[in-house]
């Protein structure tokens, strides 16, 4: 896009890495299912009784993508 557009005045190149309102779910283990006009997130918690406490994983694939 930057090769084919000229940015005048206060215009600047912008890229959003937001993959929808469920982006946080990917940090917790959900996998996104991308469609042309939407994104869905797979279930990542099968049983709440077995779920561990939430911990930040700096090496999470989707965190690194964001």
C-alpha atoms as a PDB file:
ATOM      1  CA  UNK A   1       0.000   0.000   0.000  1.00  0.00           C
ATOM      2  CA  UNK A   2       2.800   2.410   0.822  1.00  0.00           C
ATOM      3  CA  UNK A   3       4.258   1.895  -2.651  1.00  0.00           C
ATOM      4  CA  UNK A   4       1.009   2.832  -4.410  1.00  0.00           C
ATOM      5  CA  UNK A   5      -0.292   5.675  -2.225  1.00  0.00           C
ATOM      6  CA  UNK A   6       0.910   9.164  -1.398  1.00  0.00           C
ATOM      7  CA  UNK A   7       0.247  10.457   2.095  1.00  0.00           C
ATOM      8  CA  UNK A   8      -0.407  14.218   2.220  1.00  0.00           C
ATOM      9  CA  UNK A   9      -0.897  16.534   5.181  1.00  0.00           C
ATOM     10  CA  UNK A  10      -1.708  14.603   8.323  1.00  0.00           C
ATOM     11  CA  UNK A  11      -2.262  11.317   6.477  1.00  0.00           C
ATOM     12  CA  UNK A  12      -0.030   8.403   7.402  1.00  0.00           C
ATOM     13  CA  UNK A  13       0.123   4.678   6.665  1.00  0.00           C
ATOM     14  CA  UNK A  14      -1.878   2.610   9.126  1.00  0.00           C
ATOM     15  CA  UNK A  15      -2.194  -1.129   9.586  1.00  0.00           C
ATOM     16  CA  UNK A  16      -4.513  -2.683  12.115  1.00  0.00           C
ATOM     17  CA  UNK A  17      -3.555  -6.044  13.579  1.00  0.00           C
ATOM     18  CA  UNK A  18      -6.865  -6.344  15.388  1.00  0.00           C
ATOM     19  CA  UNK A  19      -8.498  -9.702  14.618  1.00  0.00           C
ATOM     20  CA  UNK A  20     -11.819  -8.947  16.233  1.00  0.00           C
ATOM     21  CA  UNK A  21     -13.354  -8.702  19.695  1.00  0.00           C
ATOM     22  CA  UNK A  22     -12.105 -12.187  20.545  1.00  0.00           C
ATOM     23  CA  UNK A  23      -8.441 -11.288  20.192  1.00  0.00           C
ATOM     24  CA  UNK A  24      -7.949 -11.896  23.921  1.00  0.00           C
ATOM     25  CA  UNK A  25      -9.258 -15.438  23.445  1.00  0.00           C
ATOM     26  CA  UNK A  26      -6.255 -16.252  21.256  1.00  0.00           C
ATOM     27  CA  UNK A  27      -3.956 -15.352  24.158  1.00  0.00           C
ATOM     28  CA  UNK A  28      -5.779 -17.937  26.277  1.00  0.00           C
ATOM     29  CA  UNK A  29      -5.517 -20.814  23.817  1.00  0.00           C
ATOM     30  CA  UNK A  30      -8.362 -20.301  21.363  1.00  0.00           C
ATOM     31  CA  UNK A  31      -7.584 -20.609  17.650  1.00  0.00           C
ATOM     32  CA  UNK A  32      -9.098 -18.110  15.222  1.00  0.00           C
ATOM     33  CA  UNK A  33     -11.031 -19.303  12.175  1.00  0.00           C
ATOM     34  CA  UNK A  34     -10.677 -16.632   9.516  1.00  0.00           C
ATOM     35  CA  UNK A  35     -13.400 -16.014   6.932  1.00  0.00           C
ATOM     36  CA  UNK A  36     -13.452 -13.315   4.266  1.00  0.00           C
ATOM     37  CA  UNK A  37     -15.774 -11.051   6.268  1.00  0.00           C
ATOM     38  CA  UNK A  38     -15.470 -12.292   9.859  1.00  0.00           C
ATOM     39  CA  UNK A  39     -13.394 -14.241  12.342  1.00  0.00           C
ATOM     40  CA  UNK A  40     -14.584 -16.882  14.809  1.00  0.00           C
ATOM     41  CA  UNK A  41     -12.711 -18.313  17.778  1.00  0.00           C
ATOM     42  CA  UNK A  42     -12.625 -21.963  18.803  1.00  0.00           C
ATOM     43  CA  UNK A  43     -13.565 -23.118  22.271  1.00  0.00           C
ATOM     44  CA  UNK A  44     -10.482 -23.297  24.473  1.00  0.00           C
ATOM     45  CA  UNK A  45     -11.946 -24.212  27.868  1.00  0.00           C
ATOM     46  CA  UNK A  46     -13.598 -27.618  27.965  1.00  0.00           C
ATOM     47  CA  UNK A  47     -14.141 -27.844  31.721  1.00  0.00           C
ATOM     48  CA  UNK A  48     -13.928 -24.842  34.045  1.00  0.00           C
ATOM     49  CA  UNK A  49     -13.032 -27.141  36.937  1.00  0.00           C
ATOM     50  CA  UNK A  50      -9.794 -28.126  35.168  1.00  0.00           C
ATOM     51  CA  UNK A  51      -8.865 -24.623  34.065  1.00  0.00           C
ATOM     52  CA  UNK A  52      -5.634 -23.214  35.507  1.00  0.00           C
ATOM     53  CA  UNK A  53      -5.179 -19.618  36.593  1.00  0.00           C
ATOM     54  CA  UNK A  54      -4.642 -17.073  33.833  1.00  0.00           C
ATOM     55  CA  UNK A  55      -0.958 -16.436  33.137  1.00  0.00           C
ATOM     56  CA  UNK A  56       0.633 -14.189  30.560  1.00  0.00           C
ATOM     57  CA  UNK A  57       2.692 -16.143  28.022  1.00  0.00           C
ATOM     58  CA  UNK A  58       5.146 -13.843  26.294  1.00  0.00           C
ATOM     59  CA  UNK A  59       5.803 -16.561  23.688  1.00  0.00           C
ATOM     60  CA  UNK A  60       2.153 -16.996  22.692  1.00  0.00           C
ATOM     61  CA  UNK A  61       1.961 -17.205  18.884  1.00  0.00           C
ATOM     62  CA  UNK A  62      -0.904 -14.693  18.586  1.00  0.00           C
ATOM     63  CA  UNK A  63       0.643 -12.282  21.091  1.00  0.00           C
ATOM     64  CA  UNK A  64       3.787 -12.228  18.947  1.00  0.00           C
ATOM     65  CA  UNK A  65       1.676 -11.619  15.821  1.00  0.00           C
ATOM     66  CA  UNK A  66      -0.023  -8.633  17.455  1.00  0.00           C
END
